[in-house]
Amino acid sequence: MEAPITQATGHNNTIVSVYPDRVELKTGWQGQNVERIGLRDIAAVSSSGVVNVTLTLQTNTGQLHRLTRMALPDARRIKTAIEQQKQRAGLYD
C-alpha cells in the first residue's frame, strides 16, 4: 500500500488522493466508491472561488469531475501536485 502524495476532502465525503501515477476519488459514507483516474487521462485541472473552492478535473474523454466546497489551500495543493506529477512524467505540453 503506497502512501499518497497529498489528500484533500470536498463536499459529500469526497476524498481526493494524488499518487505518483493516478488520482483517486473516494465517495460514499466510508469511501466505498473508488474511481481511479490515470495521470495520462487528465486533460486539465482548474479551480474557481476563494472561500468554497470548486476544483474541476477534466479527462481526455470529456468527463468532468467537480469537487465542490473545498478549502483554498487544499484545492491549490491538489492542483499543484497533479501538475507536478504530470510534468515529472513528461505528460504536459
PDB file of N, CA and C in Angstrom:
ATOM      1  N   MET A   1       0.849  -1.177   0.000  1.00  0.00           N
ATOM      2  CA  MET A   1       0.000   0.000   0.000  1.00  0.00           C
ATOM      3  C   MET A   1       0.894   1.240   0.000  1.00  0.00           C
ATOM      4  N   GLU A   2       0.864   1.986  -1.067  1.00  0.00           N
ATOM      5  CA  GLU A   2       1.684   3.178  -1.141  1.00  0.00           C
ATOM      6  C   GLU A   2       0.937   4.377  -0.563  1.00  0.00           C
ATOM      7  N   ALA A   3       1.691   5.283  -0.014  1.00  0.00           N
ATOM      8  CA  ALA A   3       1.106   6.479   0.579  1.00  0.00           C
ATOM      9  C   ALA A   3       0.873   7.526  -0.508  1.00  0.00           C
ATOM     10  N   PRO A   4      -0.235   8.268  -0.406  1.00  0.00           N
ATOM     11  CA  PRO A   4      -0.486   9.311  -1.400  1.00  0.00           C
ATOM     12  C   PRO A   4       0.460  10.497  -1.209  1.00  0.00           C
ATOM     13  N   ILE A   5       0.677  11.235  -2.302  1.00  0.00           N
ATOM     14  CA  ILE A   5       1.487  12.445  -2.237  1.00  0.00           C
ATOM     15  C   ILE A   5       0.757  13.503  -1.429  1.00  0.00           C
ATOM     16  N   THR A   6      -0.547  13.652  -1.698  1.00  0.00           N
ATOM     17  CA  THR A   6      -1.376  14.591  -0.963  1.00  0.00           C
ATOM     18  C   THR A   6      -2.826  14.135  -1.014  1.00  0.00           C
ATOM     19  N   GLN A   7      -3.613  14.609  -0.056  1.00  0.00           N
ATOM     20  CA  GLN A   7      -5.034  14.292   0.018  1.00  0.00           C
ATOM     21  C   GLN A   7      -5.807  15.537   0.401  1.00  0.00           C
ATOM     22  N   ALA A   8      -7.078  15.561   0.023  1.00  0.00           N
ATOM     23  CA  ALA A   8      -7.962  16.652   0.414  1.00  0.00           C
ATOM     24  C   ALA A   8      -9.398  16.132   0.395  1.00  0.00           C
ATOM     25  N   THR A   9     -10.278  16.869   1.043  1.00  0.00           N
ATOM     26  CA  THR A   9     -11.680  16.487   1.070  1.00  0.00           C
ATOM     27  C   THR A   9     -12.535  17.566   0.451  1.00  0.00           C
ATOM     28  N   GLY A  10     -13.641  17.139  -0.128  1.00  0.00           N
ATOM     29  CA  GLY A  10     -14.617  18.043  -0.703  1.00  0.00           C
ATOM     30  C   GLY A  10     -15.970  17.795  -0.069  1.00  0.00           C
ATOM     31  N   HIS A  11     -16.999  18.296  -0.702  1.00  0.00           N
ATOM     32  CA  HIS A  11     -18.366  18.168  -0.218  1.00  0.00           C
ATOM     33  C   HIS A  11     -18.851  16.724  -0.352  1.00  0.00           C
ATOM     34  N   ASN A  12     -19.748  16.316   0.514  1.00  0.00           N
ATOM     35  CA  ASN A  12     -20.363  14.979   0.489  1.00  0.00           C
ATOM     36  C   ASN A  12     -19.351  13.852   0.652  1.00  0.00           C
ATOM     37  N   ASN A  13     -18.425  13.999   1.582  1.00  0.00           N
ATOM     38  CA  ASN A  13     -17.452  12.943   1.903  1.00  0.00           C
ATOM     39  C   ASN A  13     -16.632  12.497   0.697  1.00  0.00           C
ATOM     40  N   THR A  14     -16.268  13.418  -0.153  1.00  0.00           N
ATOM     41  CA  THR A  14     -15.422  13.107  -1.297  1.00  0.00           C
ATOM     42  C   THR A  14     -13.969  13.327  -0.905  1.00  0.00           C
ATOM     43  N   ILE A  15     -13.166  12.296  -1.072  1.00  0.00           N
ATOM     44  CA  ILE A  15     -11.748  12.371  -0.742  1.00  0.00           C
ATOM     45  C   ILE A  15     -10.947  12.247  -2.034  1.00  0.00           C
ATOM     46  N   VAL A  16     -10.031  13.177  -2.253  1.00  0.00           N
ATOM     47  CA  VAL A  16      -9.171  13.173  -3.433  1.00  0.00           C
ATOM     48  C   VAL A  16      -7.764  12.822  -2.965  1.00  0.00           C
ATOM     49  N   SER A  17      -7.185  11.808  -3.567  1.00  0.00           N
ATOM     50  CA  SER A  17      -5.817  11.401  -3.249  1.00  0.00           C
ATOM     51  C   SER A  17      -4.995  11.416  -4.530  1.00  0.00           C
ATOM     52  N   VAL A  18      -3.826  12.036  -4.458  1.00  0.00           N
ATOM     53  CA  VAL A  18      -2.927  12.092  -5.612  1.00  0.00           C
ATOM     54  C   VAL A  18      -1.764  11.143  -5.346  1.00  0.00           C
ATOM     55  N   TYR A  19      -1.578  10.208  -6.260  1.00  0.00           N
ATOM     56  CA  TYR A  19      -0.481   9.248  -6.208  1.00  0.00           C
ATOM     57  C   TYR A  19       0.475   9.559  -7.362  1.00  0.00           C
ATOM     58  N   PRO A  20       1.655   8.963  -7.391  1.00  0.00           N
ATOM     59  CA  PRO A  20       2.599   9.270  -8.477  1.00  0.00           C
ATOM     60  C   PRO A  20       2.078   8.958  -9.873  1.00  0.00           C
ATOM     61  N   ASP A  21       1.146   8.014 -10.014  1.00  0.00           N
ATOM     62  CA  ASP A  21       0.681   7.633 -11.345  1.00  0.00           C
ATOM     63  C   ASP A  21      -0.816   7.812 -11.570  1.00  0.00           C
ATOM     64  N   ARG A  22      -1.560   8.207 -10.536  1.00  0.00           N
ATOM     65  CA  ARG A  22      -3.011   8.291 -10.668  1.00  0.00           C
ATOM     66  C   ARG A  22      -3.607   9.238  -9.636  1.00  0.00           C
ATOM     67  N   VAL A  23      -4.887   9.530  -9.830  1.00  0.00           N
ATOM     68  CA  VAL A  23      -5.681  10.297  -8.869  1.00  0.00           C
ATOM     69  C   VAL A  23      -6.860   9.415  -8.494  1.00  0.00           C
ATOM     70  N   GLU A  24      -7.142   9.316  -7.200  1.00  0.00           N
ATOM     71  CA  GLU A  24      -8.270   8.520  -6.741  1.00  0.00           C
ATOM     72  C   GLU A  24      -9.316   9.430  -6.125  1.00  0.00           C
ATOM     73  N   LEU A  25     -10.564   9.214  -6.512  1.00  0.00           N
ATOM     74  CA  LEU A  25     -11.702   9.923  -5.940  1.00  0.00           C
ATOM     75  C   LEU A  25     -12.526   8.917  -5.154  1.00  0.00           C
ATOM     76  N   LYS A  26     -12.596   9.100  -3.859  1.00  0.00           N
ATOM     77  CA  LYS A  26     -13.355   8.194  -3.000  1.00  0.00           C
ATOM     78  C   LYS A  26     -14.605   8.910  -2.539  1.00  0.00           C
ATOM     79  N   THR A  27     -15.749   8.289  -2.751  1.00  0.00           N
ATOM     80  CA  THR A  27     -17.020   8.859  -2.337  1.00  0.00           C
ATOM     81  C   THR A  27     -17.772   7.838  -1.502  1.00  0.00           C
ATOM     82  N   GLY A  28     -18.806   8.307  -0.856  1.00  0.00           N
ATOM     83  CA  GLY A  28     -19.616   7.425  -0.031  1.00  0.00           C
ATOM     84  C   GLY A  28     -19.291   7.588   1.432  1.00  0.00           C
ATOM     85  N   TRP A  29     -20.102   6.966   2.236  1.00  0.00           N
ATOM     86  CA  TRP A  29     -20.014   7.142   3.686  1.00  0.00           C
ATOM     87  C   TRP A  29     -18.673   6.675   4.237  1.00  0.00           C
ATOM     88  N   GLN A  30     -18.184   5.544   3.776  1.00  0.00           N
ATOM     89  CA  GLN A  30     -16.895   5.036   4.248  1.00  0.00           C
ATOM     90  C   GLN A  30     -15.898   4.908   3.101  1.00  0.00           C
ATOM     91  N   GLY A  31     -16.081   5.695   2.067  1.00  0.00           N
ATOM     92  CA  GLY A  31     -15.172   5.657   0.927  1.00  0.00           C
ATOM     93  C   GLY A  31     -15.276   4.387   0.121  1.00  0.00           C
ATOM     94  N   GLN A  32     -16.488   3.804   0.070  1.00  0.00           N
ATOM     95  CA  GLN A  32     -16.629   2.520  -0.616  1.00  0.00           C
ATOM     96  C   GLN A  32     -16.614   2.649  -2.135  1.00  0.00           C
ATOM     97  N   ASN A  33     -16.870   3.830  -2.685  1.00  0.00           N
ATOM     98  CA  ASN A  33     -16.819   4.027  -4.132  1.00  0.00           C
ATOM     99  C   ASN A  33     -15.486   4.693  -4.489  1.00  0.00           C
ATOM    100  N   VAL A  34     -14.663   3.981  -5.221  1.00  0.00           N
ATOM    101  CA  VAL A  34     -13.343   4.493  -5.587  1.00  0.00           C
ATOM    102  C   VAL A  34     -13.259   4.571  -7.104  1.00  0.00           C
ATOM    103  N   GLU A  35     -12.914   5.753  -7.602  1.00  0.00           N
ATOM    104  CA  GLU A  35     -12.697   5.941  -9.031  1.00  0.00           C
ATOM    105  C   GLU A  35     -11.247   6.346  -9.232  1.00  0.00           C
ATOM    106  N   ARG A  36     -10.542   5.577 -10.043  1.00  0.00           N
ATOM    107  CA  ARG A  36      -9.136   5.849 -10.315  1.00  0.00           C
ATOM    108  C   ARG A  36      -9.003   6.487 -11.692  1.00  0.00           C
ATOM    109  N   ILE A  37      -8.270   7.584 -11.733  1.00  0.00           N
ATOM    110  CA  ILE A  37      -8.024   8.285 -12.994  1.00  0.00           C
ATOM    111  C   ILE A  37      -6.519   8.363 -13.171  1.00  0.00           C
ATOM    112  N   GLY A  38      -6.010   7.806 -14.240  1.00  0.00           N
ATOM    113  CA  GLY A  38      -4.579   7.859 -14.524  1.00  0.00           C
ATOM    114  C   GLY A  38      -4.162   9.274 -14.897  1.00  0.00           C
ATOM    115  N   LEU A  39      -2.917   9.609 -14.614  1.00  0.00           N
ATOM    116  CA  LEU A  39      -2.424  10.943 -14.954  1.00  0.00           C
ATOM    117  C   LEU A  39      -2.488  11.204 -16.455  1.00  0.00           C
ATOM    118  N   ARG A  40      -2.317  10.167 -17.259  1.00  0.00           N
ATOM    119  CA  ARG A  40      -2.407  10.327 -18.707  1.00  0.00           C
ATOM    120  C   ARG A  40      -3.814  10.703 -19.143  1.00  0.00           C
ATOM    121  N   ASP A  41      -4.809  10.332 -18.358  1.00  0.00           N
ATOM    122  CA  ASP A  41      -6.200  10.598 -18.719  1.00  0.00           C
ATOM    123  C   ASP A  41      -6.674  11.986 -18.303  1.00  0.00           C
ATOM    124  N   ILE A  42      -5.915  12.689 -17.479  1.00  0.00           N
ATOM    125  CA  ILE A  42      -6.322  14.019 -17.029  1.00  0.00           C
ATOM    126  C   ILE A  42      -5.858  15.049 -18.049  1.00  0.00           C
ATOM    127  N   ALA A  43      -6.829  15.769 -18.615  1.00  0.00           N
ATOM    128  CA  ALA A  43      -6.514  16.780 -19.624  1.00  0.00           C
ATOM    129  C   ALA A  43      -6.286  18.141 -18.989  1.00  0.00           C
ATOM    130  N   ALA A  44      -7.092  18.500 -17.986  1.00  0.00           N
ATOM    131  CA  ALA A  44      -6.981  19.836 -17.386  1.00  0.00           C
ATOM    132  C   ALA A  44      -7.427  19.794 -15.931  1.00  0.00           C
ATOM    133  N   VAL A  45      -6.800  20.650 -15.137  1.00  0.00           N
ATOM    134  CA  VAL A  45      -7.172  20.835 -13.733  1.00  0.00           C
ATOM    135  C   VAL A  45      -7.358  22.332 -13.528  1.00  0.00           C
ATOM    136  N   SER A  46      -8.503  22.720 -12.990  1.00  0.00           N
ATOM    137  CA  SER A  46      -8.740  24.141 -12.740  1.00  0.00           C
ATOM    138  C   SER A  46      -9.483  24.308 -11.421  1.00  0.00           C
ATOM    139  N   SER A  47      -9.361  25.492 -10.861  1.00  0.00           N
ATOM    140  CA  SER A  47     -10.070  25.806  -9.623  1.00  0.00           C
ATOM    141  C   SER A  47     -10.716  27.168  -9.759  1.00  0.00           C
ATOM    142  N   SER A  48     -11.830  27.336  -9.069  1.00  0.00           N
ATOM    143  CA  SER A  48     -12.515  28.622  -9.076  1.00  0.00           C
ATOM    144  C   SER A  48     -13.096  28.866  -7.691  1.00  0.00           C
ATOM    145  N   GLY A  49     -13.103  30.129  -7.307  1.00  0.00           N
ATOM    146  CA  GLY A  49     -13.625  30.506  -6.000  1.00  0.00           C
ATOM    147  C   GLY A  49     -12.511  30.826  -5.041  1.00  0.00           C
ATOM    148  N   VAL A  50     -12.904  31.408  -3.900  1.00  0.00           N
ATOM    149  CA  VAL A  50     -11.924  31.789  -2.894  1.00  0.00           C
ATOM    150  C   VAL A  50     -12.223  31.123  -1.560  1.00  0.00           C
ATOM    151  N   VAL A  51     -13.472  31.147  -1.142  1.00  0.00           N
ATOM    152  CA  VAL A  51     -13.820  30.559   0.148  1.00  0.00           C
ATOM    153  C   VAL A  51     -14.225  29.101  -0.025  1.00  0.00           C
ATOM    154  N   ASN A  52     -15.259  28.846  -0.795  1.00  0.00           N
ATOM    155  CA  ASN A  52     -15.673  27.490  -1.128  1.00  0.00           C
ATOM    156  C   ASN A  52     -15.221  27.215  -2.552  1.00  0.00           C
ATOM    157  N   VAL A  53     -14.072  26.620  -2.685  1.00  0.00           N
ATOM    158  CA  VAL A  53     -13.435  26.433  -3.987  1.00  0.00           C
ATOM    159  C   VAL A  53     -14.021  25.212  -4.685  1.00  0.00           C
ATOM    160  N   THR A  54     -14.181  25.326  -5.992  1.00  0.00           N
ATOM    161  CA  THR A  54     -14.582  24.203  -6.828  1.00  0.00           C
ATOM    162  C   THR A  54     -13.373  23.787  -7.653  1.00  0.00           C
ATOM    163  N   LEU A  55     -12.925  22.561  -7.462  1.00  0.00           N
ATOM    164  CA  LEU A  55     -11.810  22.002  -8.222  1.00  0.00           C
ATOM    165  C   LEU A  55     -12.398  21.136  -9.327  1.00  0.00           C
ATOM    166  N   THR A  56     -11.995  21.382 -10.563  1.00  0.00           N
ATOM    167  CA  THR A  56     -12.533  20.651 -11.702  1.00  0.00           C
ATOM    168  C   THR A  56     -11.423  19.857 -12.368  1.00  0.00           C
ATOM    169  N   LEU A  57     -11.656  18.560 -12.503  1.00  0.00           N
ATOM    170  CA  LEU A  57     -10.753  17.673 -13.230  1.00  0.00           C
ATOM    171  C   LEU A  57     -11.446  17.275 -14.522  1.00  0.00           C
ATOM    172  N   GLN A  58     -10.810  17.527 -15.651  1.00  0.00           N
ATOM    173  CA  GLN A  58     -11.365  17.139 -16.940  1.00  0.00           C
ATOM    174  C   GLN A  58     -10.502  16.043 -17.533  1.00  0.00           C
ATOM    175  N   THR A  59     -11.148  14.979 -17.992  1.00  0.00           N
ATOM    176  CA  THR A  59     -10.416  13.864 -18.574  1.00  0.00           C
ATOM    177  C   THR A  59     -10.367  13.996 -20.088  1.00  0.00           C
ATOM    178  N   ASN A  60      -9.564  13.169 -20.702  1.00  0.00           N
ATOM    179  CA  ASN A  60      -9.439  13.178 -22.160  1.00  0.00           C
ATOM    180  C   ASN A  60     -10.734  12.795 -22.854  1.00  0.00           C
ATOM    181  N   THR A  61     -11.581  12.056 -22.182  1.00  0.00           N
ATOM    182  CA  THR A  61     -12.855  11.638 -22.765  1.00  0.00           C
ATOM    183  C   THR A  61     -13.931  12.706 -22.610  1.00  0.00           C
ATOM    184  N   GLY A  62     -13.596  13.821 -21.975  1.00  0.00           N
ATOM    185  CA  GLY A  62     -14.554  14.909 -21.788  1.00  0.00           C
ATOM    186  C   GLY A  62     -15.320  14.845 -20.487  1.00  0.00           C
ATOM    187  N   GLN A  63     -15.039  13.857 -19.675  1.00  0.00           N
ATOM    188  CA  GLN A  63     -15.730  13.711 -18.399  1.00  0.00           C
ATOM    189  C   GLN A  63     -15.223  14.760 -17.411  1.00  0.00           C
ATOM    190  N   LEU A  64     -16.145  15.416 -16.704  1.00  0.00           N
ATOM    191  CA  LEU A  64     -15.789  16.426 -15.708  1.00  0.00           C
ATOM    192  C   LEU A  64     -16.059  15.894 -14.311  1.00  0.00           C
ATOM    193  N   HIS A  65     -15.107  16.102 -13.443  1.00  0.00           N
ATOM    194  CA  HIS A  65     -15.268  15.777 -12.026  1.00  0.00           C
ATOM    195  C   HIS A  65     -15.172  17.094 -11.272  1.00  0.00           C
ATOM    196  N   ARG A  66     -16.275  17.534 -10.680  1.00  0.00           N
ATOM    197  CA  ARG A  66     -16.281  18.788  -9.930  1.00  0.00           C
ATOM    198  C   ARG A  66     -16.321  18.474  -8.445  1.00  0.00           C
ATOM    199  N   LEU A  67     -15.316  18.958  -7.750  1.00  0.00           N
ATOM    200  CA  LEU A  67     -15.218  18.763  -6.308  1.00  0.00           C
ATOM    201  C   LEU A  67     -15.514  20.112  -5.668  1.00  0.00           C
ATOM    202  N   THR A  68     -16.652  20.213  -5.037  1.00  0.00           N
ATOM    203  CA  THR A  68     -17.115  21.489  -4.507  1.00  0.00           C
ATOM    204  C   THR A  68     -16.814  21.632  -3.027  1.00  0.00           C
ATOM    205  N   ARG A  69     -16.874  22.871  -2.581  1.00  0.00           N
ATOM    206  CA  ARG A  69     -16.709  23.249  -1.178  1.00  0.00           C
ATOM    207  C   ARG A  69     -15.389  22.794  -0.576  1.00  0.00           C
ATOM    208  N   MET A  70     -14.334  22.935  -1.329  1.00  0.00           N
ATOM    209  CA  MET A  70     -13.007  22.612  -0.810  1.00  0.00           C
ATOM    210  C   MET A  70     -12.390  23.874  -0.223  1.00  0.00           C
ATOM    211  N   ALA A  71     -11.497  23.693   0.714  1.00  0.00           N
ATOM    212  CA  ALA A  71     -10.732  24.816   1.246  1.00  0.00           C
ATOM    213  C   ALA A  71      -9.708  25.228   0.190  1.00  0.00           C
ATOM    214  N   LEU A  72      -9.411  26.508   0.113  1.00  0.00           N
ATOM    215  CA  LEU A  72      -8.488  27.024  -0.897  1.00  0.00           C
ATOM    216  C   LEU A  72      -7.101  26.373  -0.817  1.00  0.00           C
ATOM    217  N   PRO A  73      -6.497  26.245   0.373  1.00  0.00           N
ATOM    218  CA  PRO A  73      -5.173  25.592   0.419  1.00  0.00           C
ATOM    219  C   PRO A  73      -5.207  24.137  -0.052  1.00  0.00           C
ATOM    220  N   ASP A  74      -6.290  23.421   0.261  1.00  0.00           N
ATOM    221  CA  ASP A  74      -6.411  22.024  -0.179  1.00  0.00           C
ATOM    222  C   ASP A  74      -6.523  21.938  -1.695  1.00  0.00           C
ATOM    223  N   ALA A  75      -7.345  22.794  -2.285  1.00  0.00           N
ATOM    224  CA  ALA A  75      -7.522  22.778  -3.741  1.00  0.00           C
ATOM    225  C   ALA A  75      -6.215  23.133  -4.447  1.00  0.00           C
ATOM    226  N   ARG A  76      -5.507  24.130  -3.928  1.00  0.00           N
ATOM    227  CA  ARG A  76      -4.227  24.510  -4.530  1.00  0.00           C
ATOM    228  C   ARG A  76      -3.206  23.387  -4.424  1.00  0.00           C
ATOM    229  N   ARG A  77      -3.201  22.703  -3.272  1.00  0.00           N
ATOM    230  CA  ARG A  77      -2.251  21.618  -3.057  1.00  0.00           C
ATOM    231  C   ARG A  77      -2.525  20.461  -4.025  1.00  0.00           C
ATOM    232  N   ILE A  78      -3.788  20.116  -4.226  1.00  0.00           N
ATOM    233  CA  ILE A  78      -4.153  19.042  -5.151  1.00  0.00           C
ATOM    234  C   ILE A  78      -3.789  19.429  -6.582  1.00  0.00           C
ATOM    235  N   LYS A  79      -4.147  20.648  -6.975  1.00  0.00           N
ATOM    236  CA  LYS A  79      -3.853  21.109  -8.337  1.00  0.00           C
ATOM    237  C   LYS A  79      -2.349  21.122  -8.599  1.00  0.00           C
ATOM    238  N   THR A  80      -1.580  21.631  -7.652  1.00  0.00           N
ATOM    239  CA  THR A  80      -0.126  21.692  -7.801  1.00  0.00           C
ATOM    240  C   THR A  80       0.482  20.293  -7.873  1.00  0.00           C
ATOM    241  N   ALA A  81      -0.002  19.383  -7.036  1.00  0.00           N
ATOM    242  CA  ALA A  81       0.535  18.018  -7.038  1.00  0.00           C
ATOM    243  C   ALA A  81       0.263  17.320  -8.362  1.00  0.00           C
ATOM    244  N   ILE A  82      -0.936  17.493  -8.909  1.00  0.00           N
ATOM    245  CA  ILE A  82      -1.255  16.874 -10.199  1.00  0.00           C
ATOM    246  C   ILE A  82      -0.373  17.453 -11.290  1.00  0.00           C
ATOM    247  N   GLU A  83      -0.228  18.781 -11.307  1.00  0.00           N
ATOM    248  CA  GLU A  83       0.600  19.418 -12.332  1.00  0.00           C
ATOM    249  C   GLU A  83       2.063  18.994 -12.222  1.00  0.00           C
ATOM    250  N   GLN A  84       2.581  18.883 -11.004  1.00  0.00           N
ATOM    251  CA  GLN A  84       3.967  18.456 -10.824  1.00  0.00           C
ATOM    252  C   GLN A  84       4.169  17.014 -11.267  1.00  0.00           C
ATOM    253  N   GLN A  85       3.236  16.142 -10.936  1.00  0.00           N
ATOM    254  CA  GLN A  85       3.366  14.739 -11.325  1.00  0.00           C
ATOM    255  C   GLN A  85       3.280  14.587 -12.840  1.00  0.00           C
ATOM    256  N   LYS A  86       2.417  15.361 -13.482  1.00  0.00           N
ATOM    257  CA  LYS A  86       2.329  15.309 -14.940  1.00  0.00           C
ATOM    258  C   LYS A  86       3.611  15.844 -15.578  1.00  0.00           C
ATOM    259  N   GLN A  87       4.188  16.876 -14.982  1.00  0.00           N
ATOM    260  CA  GLN A  87       5.431  17.435 -15.510  1.00  0.00           C
ATOM    261  C   GLN A  87       6.580  16.437 -15.356  1.00  0.00           C
ATOM    262  N   ARG A  88       6.653  15.776 -14.221  1.00  0.00           N
ATOM    263  CA  ARG A  88       7.711  14.785 -13.995  1.00  0.00           C
ATOM    264  C   ARG A  88       7.598  13.634 -14.979  1.00  0.00           C
ATOM    265  N   ALA A  89       6.377  13.273 -15.305  1.00  0.00           N
ATOM    266  CA  ALA A  89       6.178  12.154 -16.229  1.00  0.00           C
ATOM    267  C   ALA A  89       6.284  12.580 -17.675  1.00  0.00           C
ATOM    268  N   GLY A  90       6.419  13.881 -17.919  1.00  0.00           N
ATOM    269  CA  GLY A  90       6.527  14.385 -19.284  1.00  0.00           C
ATOM    270  C   GLY A  90       5.218  14.376 -20.022  1.00  0.00           C
ATOM    271  N   LEU A  91       4.118  14.541 -19.284  1.00  0.00           N
ATOM    272  CA  LEU A  91       2.795  14.471 -19.904  1.00  0.00           C
ATOM    273  C   LEU A  91       2.212  15.837 -20.217  1.00  0.00           C
ATOM    274  N   TYR A  92       2.901  16.906 -19.818  1.00  0.00           N
ATOM    275  CA  TYR A  92       2.413  18.254 -20.109  1.00  0.00           C
ATOM    276  C   TYR A  92       3.059  18.756 -21.379  1.00  0.00           C
ATOM    277  N   ASP A  93       2.325  19.530 -22.121  1.00  0.00           N
ATOM    278  CA  ASP A  93       2.865  20.131 -23.345  1.00  0.00           C
ATOM    279  C   ASP A  93       3.623  21.374 -23.030  1.00  0.00           C
TER     280      ASP A  93
END
